[in-house]
Structure formats: structure tokens, C-alpha cells
C-alpha atoms as a PDB file:
ATOM      1  CA  MET A   1       0.000   0.000   0.000  1.00  0.00           C
ATOM      2  CA  ARG A   2       2.762   2.456   0.847  1.00  0.00           C
ATOM      3  CA  LYS A   3       4.166   1.904  -2.608  1.00  0.00           C
ATOM      4  CA  MET A   4       0.914   2.987  -4.253  1.00  0.00           C
ATOM      5  CA  PHE A   5      -0.508   5.629  -1.885  1.00  0.00           C
ATOM      6  CA  ASP A   6       0.559   8.607   0.182  1.00  0.00           C
ATOM      7  CA  ASP A   7      -1.294  10.028   3.177  1.00  0.00           C
ATOM      8  CA  TYR A   8      -3.253   6.834   3.873  1.00  0.00           C
ATOM      9  CA  GLY A   9      -5.465   7.043   6.921  1.00  0.00           C
ATOM     10  CA  PHE A  10      -8.848   6.013   8.217  1.00  0.00           C
ATOM     11  CA  ALA A  11     -11.405   6.832  10.899  1.00  0.00           C
ATOM     12  CA  ILE A  12     -14.007   4.511  12.406  1.00  0.00           C
ATOM     13  CA  THR A  13     -17.175   5.813  14.030  1.00  0.00           C
ATOM     14  CA  LEU A  14     -19.587   3.643  16.020  1.00  0.00           C
ATOM     15  CA  GLU A  15     -22.811   5.304  17.149  1.00  0.00           C
ATOM     16  CA  ALA A  16     -25.417   3.576  19.324  1.00  0.00           C
ATOM     17  CA  ARG A  17     -28.883   3.767  17.818  1.00  0.00           C
ATOM     18  CA  GLY A  18     -30.720   1.908  20.557  1.00  0.00           C
ATOM     19  CA  PRO A  19     -30.100  -1.121  22.751  1.00  0.00           C
ATOM     20  CA  ASP A  20     -29.656  -3.489  19.790  1.00  0.00           C
ATOM     21  CA  ALA A  21     -28.605  -1.177  16.951  1.00  0.00           C
ATOM     22  CA  THR A  22     -25.345   0.504  16.014  1.00  0.00           C
ATOM     23  CA  HIS A  23     -24.474   2.802  13.128  1.00  0.00           C
ATOM     24  CA  ALA A  24     -20.930   2.031  11.955  1.00  0.00           C
ATOM     25  CA  ARG A  25     -18.980   4.187   9.514  1.00  0.00           C
ATOM     26  CA  LEU A  26     -15.453   3.836   8.131  1.00  0.00           C
ATOM     27  CA  GLU A  27     -13.841   6.718   6.278  1.00  0.00           C
ATOM     28  CA  THR A  28     -10.615   6.215   4.365  1.00  0.00           C
ATOM     29  CA  HIS A  29      -8.293   8.836   2.928  1.00  0.00           C
ATOM     30  CA  TYR A  30      -5.365   8.360   0.570  1.00  0.00           C
ATOM     31  CA  THR A  31      -3.561   9.952  -2.356  1.00  0.00           C
ATOM     32  CA  PRO A  32      -2.331   7.842  -5.297  1.00  0.00           C
ATOM     33  CA  ARG A  33       1.425   8.316  -5.739  1.00  0.00           C
ATOM     34  CA  ASN A  34       1.488   8.664  -9.521  1.00  0.00           C
ATOM     35  CA  PRO A  35      -0.766   8.728 -12.616  1.00  0.00           C
ATOM     36  CA  LEU A  36      -0.661   4.935 -13.012  1.00  0.00           C
ATOM     37  CA  TYR A  37      -1.964   4.382  -9.471  1.00  0.00           C
ATOM     38  CA  THR A  38      -4.548   7.113 -10.014  1.00  0.00           C
ATOM     39  CA  LEU A  39      -5.851   5.201 -13.033  1.00  0.00           C
ATOM     40  CA  LEU A  40      -5.775   1.853 -11.188  1.00  0.00           C
ATOM     41  CA  ASN A  41      -7.644   3.471  -8.323  1.00  0.00           C
ATOM     42  CA  GLU A  42     -10.383   4.688 -10.659  1.00  0.00           C
ATOM     43  CA  LEU A  43     -10.686   1.390 -12.555  1.00  0.00           C
ATOM     44  CA  VAL A  44     -10.224  -1.274  -9.868  1.00  0.00           C
ATOM     45  CA  LEU A  45      -8.904  -0.366  -6.447  1.00  0.00           C
ATOM     46  CA  ARG A  46     -11.664   1.939  -5.227  1.00  0.00           C
ATOM     47  CA  ARG A  47     -14.297  -0.789  -5.659  1.00  0.00           C
ATOM     48  CA  ARG A  48     -12.062  -3.343  -3.918  1.00  0.00           C
ATOM     49  CA  PHE A  49     -11.423  -0.961  -1.014  1.00  0.00           C
ATOM     50  CA  GLU A  50     -15.152  -0.372  -0.736  1.00  0.00           C
ATOM     51  CA  LYS A  51     -15.842  -4.111  -0.382  1.00  0.00           C
ATOM     52  CA  VAL A  52     -13.078  -4.523   2.209  1.00  0.00           C
ATOM     53  CA  CYS A  53     -14.337  -1.515   4.174  1.00  0.00           C
ATOM     54  CA  ASP A  54     -17.925  -2.812   4.047  1.00  0.00           C
ATOM     55  CA  GLY A  55     -16.709  -6.096   5.522  1.00  0.00           C
ATOM     56  CA  ILE A  56     -14.793  -4.342   8.294  1.00  0.00           C
ATOM     57  CA  VAL A  57     -17.780  -2.161   9.181  1.00  0.00           C
ATOM     58  CA  ALA A  58     -20.147  -5.152   9.213  1.00  0.00           C
ATOM     59  CA  GLY A  59     -17.806  -7.020  11.552  1.00  0.00           C
ATOM     60  CA  LEU A  60     -17.478  -4.042  13.904  1.00  0.00           C
ATOM     61  CA  LYS A  61     -21.220  -3.513  13.897  1.00  0.00           C
ATOM     62  CA  ASN A  62     -21.879  -7.173  14.751  1.00  0.00           C
ATOM     63  CA  PHE A  63     -19.264  -7.071  17.494  1.00  0.00           C
ATOM     64  CA  ALA A  64     -20.670  -3.879  19.027  1.00  0.00           C
ATOM     65  CA  GLU A  65     -24.233  -5.176  18.943  1.00  0.00           C
ATOM     66  CA  SER A  66     -23.295  -8.531  20.491  1.00  0.00           C
ATOM     67  CA  ARG A  67     -21.985  -6.911  23.684  1.00  0.00           C
END
């Protein structure tokens, strides 16, 4: 990842929405290092990151609601 992106970071927010409900949000920030990685990001990587982030958020949400 460091090879392809600069300034990579993320923030996770969990917000209780009742005794059995949680709103989970994951925000990611990064800058592609060069035009090739910018193109790859547009064509492929952004959608892959979205799926990975959705999986992380679902897992966090399930964990928070199971406690």
C-alpha cells in the first residue's frame, strides 16, 4: 500500500442507535502516488477498497451489537 498511496489514513465511528442497533462508519483517505496508481484506483482499487471496508464495518457492527 505504501508503494501505491501517500497520506493513507482512516477513521471509524460507532454510534449507538438503541439497545440493539449501532451505526458504523469507516472513512478512508489516501492519495495515489502517480498517474498509473490514479488510473488503477479509478478502474479497480476503489471498488475493492469499498468491499473490504464494508466487511470491516459489518464485523465491527456485529461485534458492538453482540456486547
